[in-house]
Amino acid sequence: MIERLTNILWQAGVSVRNSRFDKADTYMIDELPTIKEKYFKVQADAFVISIGNISMGGVGKTPFIITLINEFLNDQNYKIAVITKGYKRKIKKNLIITNETIENYTIDEYGDEPYYVHQICQVPVAVTFKKYEGLYLLQKEINPDIVVIDDGFQHRWIERDLDIVILDEYSINQKYFPPFGRMRESLLALKRADIILIPDYLERHSRIQEFGYKFIRFNIISKYPELIVNGSETQTDKFYAFSGIANPERFINTLTNHNLKIINQKFYSDHQNYTIQDVNYLINFAKKNQCNLITTEKDYVKLIQFEGNFLAEKINLFVQKIHFNIIDKHLLYNFLNQKIKTL
């Protein structure tokens, strides 16, 4: 009963919010400093692509952004930039990460995902608390052709040319909004999306057919873990797995599928800012149990600064890398080319 009432109230709030954005005035992004309304929309000179979801937690937005840029956009000579919030970073200052500014702040100040996206894609990344401020900053300083908004489906202050939503099994099957569930919006919100990405194993799910032609299939390819820090010549097949991501169970399942011998595991909070105390704990566990350490690629970005500690204590650190693979590549290519051909 309480869950049902909470759902009704949450959905009513979402409906009111969306209605206000539907009726909101639209401004050019360079007019942002003069806007006084709470609900408004800004339009960029650039082509704007939003990547989002309808539930809280990780569904693979960052890996997809990397695939989108590196495999579908970067070979067409567009000037591309990304906007992201930089969740749990240590400062609130609005920043743009470029090759020229990368040394000005630490990973913890930029945020792990913005830093990671910049390093892998080699494109400017605006890190701002309010995403429309990131768009304003990018247009003033970078003037990109294409802007990709990370986690942008509910950020309706920015007009977008293309809305891409990633679904997972949780989003399709879950019925509850907070505090009893993690849904942000109902499945009906998918009507706003231009493209919906679904895992290939959900292709025949009964709810999928409701949205017709919009679906493009993907799968996550997990390579065998790579030895990144080679601290010890002593060989062992035992691993201690740790991570600070939204869905650590997927990480563990991947390791299990590789038939790794996981003797224990530790889950930190999402976007964990690793400290020397954390690193010492991991090192001491590995020494005591004579095992390797293994983590995700996103976690490793924050551990690079401690590489010398692992080497000094003769600890091997492995990293599990994943690839967001678009199965229906031709569909996404064709859709993007039709939408962006005016640039």
Foldseek 3Di string as FASTA:
>chain_A
DVQVVQLVVLQVVLVVLVVLLVPAEEEALLCVVVDDDPHHAYEYPAAEEEEAAFFDFDPCLLLVVLCCQPPFNVVPPFQEEEEDAQPQADDQDKDKDAPVCPPVDDCSNQHLSLVVSCVRRRHIYIHHNQRSVSRSVCCVPPVTRYYYYYNCLSNSNYDHLAYEYEDEPCLVPDDGPPPVGGGNHHPVSCVPHQAYEYEPVCCPPPVVPVVPPRYFYWHKAKDDWDFDQQQAPDDDQEEEEEEAGRDCVVVVVVCVVVVGHYPYYYYDHHSDQDDVVNVVVVLVVCVVVVHAYEYEPSVVSNCPVVSVVCNVSSHIYIYIYMHIGGPPVVVVNVVVCVSSVVD
